[in-house]
Amino acid sequence: MSIMAIIQDPKTDEEKSFSIPLASEKFFEDIWEPLAEELELQWIPTFLSGVDVIEDDLDDIVSELEKLEVLAKEKLNQDNFSQLQERIKLIKDKLPGAFKRVGAVVFIG
């Protein structure tokens, strides 16, 4: 299984096709979760079970992703770090676009 970000109740074709792959469940459990726990993050650990996100949550999520990336650079081997870094960049680049419509809700899980 995979952890992805999708728009809940999409209204347009663009929203229906919106999807950001974060990680396989195994990679998330093995790599993302231990780092997030070490940093005592609030948002990232909820991605495994699933969480609804609104635009107001975006800054906090991006902040956590940046902290995760810094620690990952110190702790991970190059292959795992590169994979994580690529997905963090993708999330930071694409997630804001999910909130073009007022009231949009993104499910990450």
C-alpha atoms as a PDB file:
ATOM      1  CA  MET A   1       0.000   0.000   0.000  1.00  0.00           C
ATOM      2  CA  SER A   2       0.970   3.599  -0.475  1.00  0.00           C
ATOM      3  CA  ILE A   3       0.525   6.818   1.385  1.00  0.00           C
ATOM      4  CA  MET A   4      -0.858   9.518  -0.877  1.00  0.00           C
ATOM      5  CA  ALA A   5      -2.482  12.929  -0.789  1.00  0.00           C
ATOM      6  CA  ILE A   6      -5.803  13.268  -2.619  1.00  0.00           C
ATOM      7  CA  ILE A   7      -8.559  15.859  -2.603  1.00  0.00           C
ATOM      8  CA  GLN A   8     -11.650  14.793  -0.687  1.00  0.00           C
ATOM      9  CA  ASP A   9     -14.914  15.276  -2.570  1.00  0.00           C
ATOM     10  CA  PRO A  10     -13.305  16.623  -5.782  1.00  0.00           C
ATOM     11  CA  LYS A  11     -15.435  19.062  -7.795  1.00  0.00           C
ATOM     12  CA  THR A  12     -13.416  19.404 -11.024  1.00  0.00           C
ATOM     13  CA  ASP A  13     -11.447  17.104 -13.302  1.00  0.00           C
ATOM     14  CA  GLU A  14      -8.274  18.749 -12.037  1.00  0.00           C
ATOM     15  CA  GLU A  15      -9.227  17.944  -8.460  1.00  0.00           C
ATOM     16  CA  LYS A  16     -10.188  14.381  -9.426  1.00  0.00           C
ATOM     17  CA  SER A  17      -6.739  13.810 -10.914  1.00  0.00           C
ATOM     18  CA  PHE A  18      -4.864  15.446  -8.014  1.00  0.00           C
ATOM     19  CA  SER A  19      -2.614  12.917  -6.326  1.00  0.00           C
ATOM     20  CA  ILE A  20       0.727  13.155  -4.558  1.00  0.00           C
ATOM     21  CA  PRO A  21       2.532   9.901  -3.736  1.00  0.00           C
ATOM     22  CA  LEU A  22       4.354  10.229  -0.417  1.00  0.00           C
ATOM     23  CA  ALA A  23       5.787   6.800   0.226  1.00  0.00           C
ATOM     24  CA  SER A  24       5.071   3.121   0.311  1.00  0.00           C
ATOM     25  CA  GLU A  25       3.647   2.067   3.653  1.00  0.00           C
ATOM     26  CA  LYS A  26       6.845   0.151   4.447  1.00  0.00           C
ATOM     27  CA  PHE A  27       9.139   3.062   3.585  1.00  0.00           C
ATOM     28  CA  PHE A  28       6.965   5.378   5.631  1.00  0.00           C
ATOM     29  CA  GLU A  29       7.007   3.042   8.648  1.00  0.00           C
ATOM     30  CA  ASP A  30      10.735   2.326   8.361  1.00  0.00           C
ATOM     31  CA  ILE A  31      12.033   5.789   7.457  1.00  0.00           C
ATOM     32  CA  TRP A  32       9.522   8.599   7.912  1.00  0.00           C
ATOM     33  CA  GLU A  33       7.978   7.509  11.225  1.00  0.00           C
ATOM     34  CA  PRO A  34      11.162   7.064  13.289  1.00  0.00           C
ATOM     35  CA  LEU A  35      12.423  10.472  12.199  1.00  0.00           C
ATOM     36  CA  ALA A  36       9.060  12.112  12.912  1.00  0.00           C
ATOM     37  CA  GLU A  37       8.949  10.486  16.349  1.00  0.00           C
ATOM     38  CA  GLU A  38      12.464  11.631  17.142  1.00  0.00           C
ATOM     39  CA  LEU A  39      11.443  15.183  16.262  1.00  0.00           C
ATOM     40  CA  GLU A  40       8.141  14.841  18.146  1.00  0.00           C
ATOM     41  CA  LEU A  41       6.213  16.033  15.091  1.00  0.00           C
ATOM     42  CA  GLN A  42       2.423  16.251  15.156  1.00  0.00           C
ATOM     43  CA  TRP A  43       1.284  16.030  11.525  1.00  0.00           C
ATOM     44  CA  ILE A  44       3.583  13.563   9.820  1.00  0.00           C
ATOM     45  CA  PRO A  45       2.871  10.615  12.162  1.00  0.00           C
ATOM     46  CA  THR A  46      -0.853  10.947  11.344  1.00  0.00           C
ATOM     47  CA  PHE A  47      -0.217  10.307   7.642  1.00  0.00           C
ATOM     48  CA  LEU A  48      -0.010   6.543   8.170  1.00  0.00           C
ATOM     49  CA  SER A  49      -3.500   6.232   9.645  1.00  0.00           C
ATOM     50  CA  GLY A  50      -4.826   9.081   7.514  1.00  0.00           C
ATOM     51  CA  VAL A  51      -5.716  12.688   8.208  1.00  0.00           C
ATOM     52  CA  ASP A  52      -7.760  15.458   6.606  1.00  0.00           C
ATOM     53  CA  VAL A  53      -5.839  18.644   5.888  1.00  0.00           C
ATOM     54  CA  ILE A  54      -7.159  22.123   5.154  1.00  0.00           C
ATOM     55  CA  GLU A  55      -5.305  25.108   3.754  1.00  0.00           C
ATOM     56  CA  ASP A  56      -4.718  26.565   7.239  1.00  0.00           C
ATOM     57  CA  ASP A  57      -2.674  23.447   8.087  1.00  0.00           C
ATOM     58  CA  LEU A  58      -0.273  23.898   5.182  1.00  0.00           C
ATOM     59  CA  ASP A  59       2.368  26.040   6.923  1.00  0.00           C
ATOM     60  CA  ASP A  60       2.628  23.624   9.858  1.00  0.00           C
ATOM     61  CA  ILE A  61       2.951  20.628   7.549  1.00  0.00           C
ATOM     62  CA  VAL A  62       5.631  22.297   5.426  1.00  0.00           C
ATOM     63  CA  SER A  63       7.526  23.264   8.577  1.00  0.00           C
ATOM     64  CA  GLU A  64       7.471  19.650   9.757  1.00  0.00           C
ATOM     65  CA  LEU A  65       8.615  18.408   6.344  1.00  0.00           C
ATOM     66  CA  GLU A  66      11.569  20.802   6.455  1.00  0.00           C
ATOM     67  CA  LYS A  67      12.558  19.596   9.930  1.00  0.00           C
ATOM     68  CA  LEU A  68      12.225  15.994   8.792  1.00  0.00           C
ATOM     69  CA  GLU A  69      14.463  16.665   5.796  1.00  0.00           C
ATOM     70  CA  VAL A  70      17.206  18.202   7.944  1.00  0.00           C
ATOM     71  CA  LEU A  71      17.272  15.239  10.324  1.00  0.00           C
ATOM     72  CA  ALA A  72      17.044  12.763   7.445  1.00  0.00           C
ATOM     73  CA  LYS A  73      20.157  14.259   5.871  1.00  0.00           C
ATOM     74  CA  GLU A  74      22.064  13.551   9.096  1.00  0.00           C
ATOM     75  CA  LYS A  75      20.679  10.070   9.744  1.00  0.00           C
ATOM     76  CA  LEU A  76      19.887   8.302   6.465  1.00  0.00           C
ATOM     77  CA  ASN A  77      22.030   6.675   3.832  1.00  0.00           C
ATOM     78  CA  GLN A  78      22.142   8.523   0.515  1.00  0.00           C
ATOM     79  CA  ASP A  79      19.577   6.335  -1.273  1.00  0.00           C
ATOM     80  CA  ASN A  80      16.937   6.642   1.427  1.00  0.00           C
ATOM     81  CA  PHE A  81      17.630  10.335   1.887  1.00  0.00           C
ATOM     82  CA  SER A  82      17.326  10.995  -1.838  1.00  0.00           C
ATOM     83  CA  GLN A  83      14.017   9.163  -1.999  1.00  0.00           C
ATOM     84  CA  LEU A  84      12.626  11.019   0.999  1.00  0.00           C
ATOM     85  CA  GLN A  85      13.933  14.369  -0.207  1.00  0.00           C
ATOM     86  CA  GLU A  86      12.347  13.866  -3.633  1.00  0.00           C
ATOM     87  CA  ARG A  87       8.941  13.207  -2.063  1.00  0.00           C
ATOM     88  CA  ILE A  88       9.221  16.134   0.330  1.00  0.00           C
ATOM     89  CA  LYS A  89       9.965  18.433  -2.596  1.00  0.00           C
ATOM     90  CA  LEU A  90       6.998  17.025  -4.497  1.00  0.00           C
ATOM     91  CA  ILE A  91       4.671  17.591  -1.541  1.00  0.00           C
ATOM     92  CA  LYS A  92       5.927  21.140  -0.965  1.00  0.00           C
ATOM     93  CA  ASP A  93       5.547  21.949  -4.664  1.00  0.00           C
ATOM     94  CA  LYS A  94       2.147  20.360  -5.278  1.00  0.00           C
ATOM     95  CA  LEU A  95       0.173  20.447  -2.021  1.00  0.00           C
ATOM     96  CA  PRO A  96      -0.576  24.198  -2.115  1.00  0.00           C
ATOM     97  CA  GLY A  97      -2.252  23.669  -5.505  1.00  0.00           C
ATOM     98  CA  ALA A  98      -4.870  21.462  -3.891  1.00  0.00           C
ATOM     99  CA  PHE A  99      -6.399  24.485  -2.190  1.00  0.00           C
ATOM    100  CA  LYS A 100      -7.400  26.501  -5.257  1.00  0.00           C
ATOM    101  CA  ARG A 101     -11.021  25.987  -4.264  1.00  0.00           C
ATOM    102  CA  VAL A 102     -12.084  27.554  -0.986  1.00  0.00           C
ATOM    103  CA  GLY A 103     -12.998  24.809   1.418  1.00  0.00           C
ATOM    104  CA  ALA A 104     -11.018  22.050  -0.290  1.00  0.00           C
ATOM    105  CA  VAL A 105      -9.931  19.218   1.990  1.00  0.00           C
ATOM    106  CA  VAL A 106      -6.983  16.959   1.262  1.00  0.00           C
ATOM    107  CA  PHE A 107      -6.803  13.474   2.693  1.00  0.00           C
ATOM    108  CA  ILE A 108      -3.264  12.247   3.365  1.00  0.00           C
ATOM    109  CA  GLY A 109      -3.038   8.594   4.161  1.00  0.00           C
END
